Amino acid sequence: MENEKVIIATDRKTLTDVLNEMFKKRTEEKALPEFEGDKISKLQAAKIAGITIPTLNKLTTKGKFKQYNLGRRKYFLRSEMIEALRNNKS
């Protein structure tokens, strides 16, 4: 396979360093640095929309709001929430 990686480590520290470097590269690829200041939590998104978290979850499932995942963390973009709310009112 083209993307196959083989890890050969002679000691625990070397293995730890290799795995840390691999993890760091994977998380950097997934990050959206240009939106870093725009990220908000579910609670913050629900407050902006004036709804509860269960309602936010339902509306997200229906596609009214876009939710992003980064590992186990889930977040929304403030600008997209505001835009979706504006579009929904018209």
C-alpha atoms as a PDB file:
ATOM      1  CA  MET A   1       0.000   0.000   0.000  1.00  0.00           C
ATOM      2  CA  GLU A   2       1.109   3.487  -0.788  1.00  0.00           C
ATOM      3  CA  ASN A   3       0.149   5.113   2.541  1.00  0.00           C
ATOM      4  CA  GLU A   4       1.208   2.198   4.706  1.00  0.00           C
ATOM      5  CA  LYS A   5       3.407   3.214   7.597  1.00  0.00           C
ATOM      6  CA  VAL A   6       5.760   0.945   9.442  1.00  0.00           C
ATOM      7  CA  ILE A   7       6.876   1.844  12.937  1.00  0.00           C
ATOM      8  CA  ILE A   8      10.100   0.365  14.190  1.00  0.00           C
ATOM      9  CA  ALA A   9      11.147   1.492  17.634  1.00  0.00           C
ATOM     10  CA  THR A  10      13.936   0.255  19.785  1.00  0.00           C
ATOM     11  CA  ASP A  11      12.671   1.709  23.043  1.00  0.00           C
ATOM     12  CA  ARG A  12       9.606   3.234  24.648  1.00  0.00           C
ATOM     13  CA  LYS A  13      10.742   6.853  24.229  1.00  0.00           C
ATOM     14  CA  THR A  14      11.345   6.434  20.497  1.00  0.00           C
ATOM     15  CA  LEU A  15       7.926   4.844  20.019  1.00  0.00           C
ATOM     16  CA  THR A  16       6.296   7.629  22.040  1.00  0.00           C
ATOM     17  CA  ASP A  17       8.067  10.307  19.971  1.00  0.00           C
ATOM     18  CA  VAL A  18       7.031   8.682  16.685  1.00  0.00           C
ATOM     19  CA  LEU A  19       3.396   8.340  17.758  1.00  0.00           C
ATOM     20  CA  ASN A  20       3.281  11.908  19.079  1.00  0.00           C
ATOM     21  CA  GLU A  21       4.630  13.214  15.771  1.00  0.00           C
ATOM     22  CA  MET A  22       2.073  11.185  13.789  1.00  0.00           C
ATOM     23  CA  PHE A  23      -0.768  12.406  16.013  1.00  0.00           C
ATOM     24  CA  LYS A  24       0.414  16.008  15.742  1.00  0.00           C
ATOM     25  CA  LYS A  25       0.425  15.821  11.923  1.00  0.00           C
ATOM     26  CA  ARG A  26      -3.076  14.293  11.806  1.00  0.00           C
ATOM     27  CA  THR A  27      -4.589  16.915  14.105  1.00  0.00           C
ATOM     28  CA  GLU A  28      -2.917  19.754  12.194  1.00  0.00           C
ATOM     29  CA  GLU A  29      -4.470  18.465   8.956  1.00  0.00           C
ATOM     30  CA  LYS A  30      -7.954  18.510  10.514  1.00  0.00           C
ATOM     31  CA  ALA A  31      -7.693  21.911  12.178  1.00  0.00           C
ATOM     32  CA  LEU A  32      -9.331  24.968  10.644  1.00  0.00           C
ATOM     33  CA  PRO A  33      -7.039  27.729  11.906  1.00  0.00           C
ATOM     34  CA  GLU A  34      -8.811  30.475   9.939  1.00  0.00           C
ATOM     35  CA  PHE A  35     -11.979  29.745  11.917  1.00  0.00           C
ATOM     36  CA  GLU A  36     -10.314  29.376  15.308  1.00  0.00           C
ATOM     37  CA  GLY A  37     -11.872  32.522  16.751  1.00  0.00           C
ATOM     38  CA  ASP A  38     -15.262  31.703  15.214  1.00  0.00           C
ATOM     39  CA  LYS A  39     -15.682  28.315  16.925  1.00  0.00           C
ATOM     40  CA  ILE A  40     -18.395  28.074  19.544  1.00  0.00           C
ATOM     41  CA  SER A  41     -19.646  25.241  21.724  1.00  0.00           C
ATOM     42  CA  LYS A  42     -23.098  23.662  21.592  1.00  0.00           C
ATOM     43  CA  LEU A  43     -24.108  25.645  24.653  1.00  0.00           C
ATOM     44  CA  GLN A  44     -22.972  28.927  23.092  1.00  0.00           C
ATOM     45  CA  ALA A  45     -24.729  28.060  19.810  1.00  0.00           C
ATOM     46  CA  ALA A  46     -27.962  27.265  21.650  1.00  0.00           C
ATOM     47  CA  LYS A  47     -27.771  30.583  23.530  1.00  0.00           C
ATOM     48  CA  ILE A  48     -27.227  32.530  20.301  1.00  0.00           C
ATOM     49  CA  ALA A  49     -30.250  30.819  18.734  1.00  0.00           C
ATOM     50  CA  GLY A  50     -32.329  31.179  21.903  1.00  0.00           C
ATOM     51  CA  ILE A  51     -33.074  27.440  22.056  1.00  0.00           C
ATOM     52  CA  THR A  52     -32.184  24.462  24.231  1.00  0.00           C
ATOM     53  CA  ILE A  53     -29.408  22.014  23.419  1.00  0.00           C
ATOM     54  CA  PRO A  54     -31.888  19.188  22.588  1.00  0.00           C
ATOM     55  CA  THR A  55     -33.630  21.527  20.125  1.00  0.00           C
ATOM     56  CA  LEU A  56     -30.256  22.501  18.667  1.00  0.00           C
ATOM     57  CA  ASN A  57     -29.462  18.804  18.214  1.00  0.00           C
ATOM     58  CA  LYS A  58     -32.767  18.229  16.386  1.00  0.00           C
ATOM     59  CA  LEU A  59     -32.281  21.234  14.119  1.00  0.00           C
ATOM     60  CA  THR A  60     -28.699  20.172  13.388  1.00  0.00           C
ATOM     61  CA  THR A  61     -29.924  16.687  12.428  1.00  0.00           C
ATOM     62  CA  LYS A  62     -32.495  18.309  10.118  1.00  0.00           C
ATOM     63  CA  GLY A  63     -29.703  20.335   8.490  1.00  0.00           C
ATOM     64  CA  LYS A  64     -30.698  23.777   9.770  1.00  0.00           C
ATOM     65  CA  PHE A  65     -27.295  24.267  11.420  1.00  0.00           C
ATOM     66  CA  LYS A  66     -23.895  22.854  10.444  1.00  0.00           C
ATOM     67  CA  GLN A  67     -21.941  21.093  13.168  1.00  0.00           C
ATOM     68  CA  TYR A  68     -18.222  20.374  12.868  1.00  0.00           C
ATOM     69  CA  ASN A  69     -16.340  17.551  14.538  1.00  0.00           C
ATOM     70  CA  LEU A  70     -12.723  17.560  15.540  1.00  0.00           C
ATOM     71  CA  GLY A  71     -12.061  14.241  17.178  1.00  0.00           C
ATOM     72  CA  ARG A  72     -14.715  13.844  19.866  1.00  0.00           C
ATOM     73  CA  ARG A  73     -15.283  17.572  20.119  1.00  0.00           C
ATOM     74  CA  LYS A  74     -18.226  19.126  18.369  1.00  0.00           C
ATOM     75  CA  TYR A  75     -18.518  22.796  17.584  1.00  0.00           C
ATOM     76  CA  PHE A  76     -20.332  25.347  15.463  1.00  0.00           C
ATOM     77  CA  LEU A  77     -19.139  28.475  13.706  1.00  0.00           C
ATOM     78  CA  ARG A  78     -20.619  31.675  15.097  1.00  0.00           C
ATOM     79  CA  SER A  79     -20.782  33.296  11.655  1.00  0.00           C
ATOM     80  CA  GLU A  80     -22.667  30.318  10.188  1.00  0.00           C
ATOM     81  CA  MET A  81     -25.109  30.252  13.120  1.00  0.00           C
ATOM     82  CA  ILE A  82     -25.901  33.937  12.685  1.00  0.00           C
ATOM     83  CA  GLU A  83     -26.282  33.532   8.920  1.00  0.00           C
ATOM     84  CA  ALA A  84     -28.598  30.524   9.344  1.00  0.00           C
ATOM     85  CA  LEU A  85     -30.726  32.453  11.827  1.00  0.00           C
ATOM     86  CA  ARG A  86     -30.949  35.447   9.481  1.00  0.00           C
ATOM     87  CA  ASN A  87     -31.924  33.231   6.533  1.00  0.00           C
ATOM     88  CA  ASN A  88     -34.537  31.421   8.604  1.00  0.00           C
ATOM     89  CA  LYS A  89     -36.291  34.654   9.616  1.00  0.00           C
ATOM     90  CA  SER A  90     -36.782  35.853   6.042  1.00  0.00           C
END
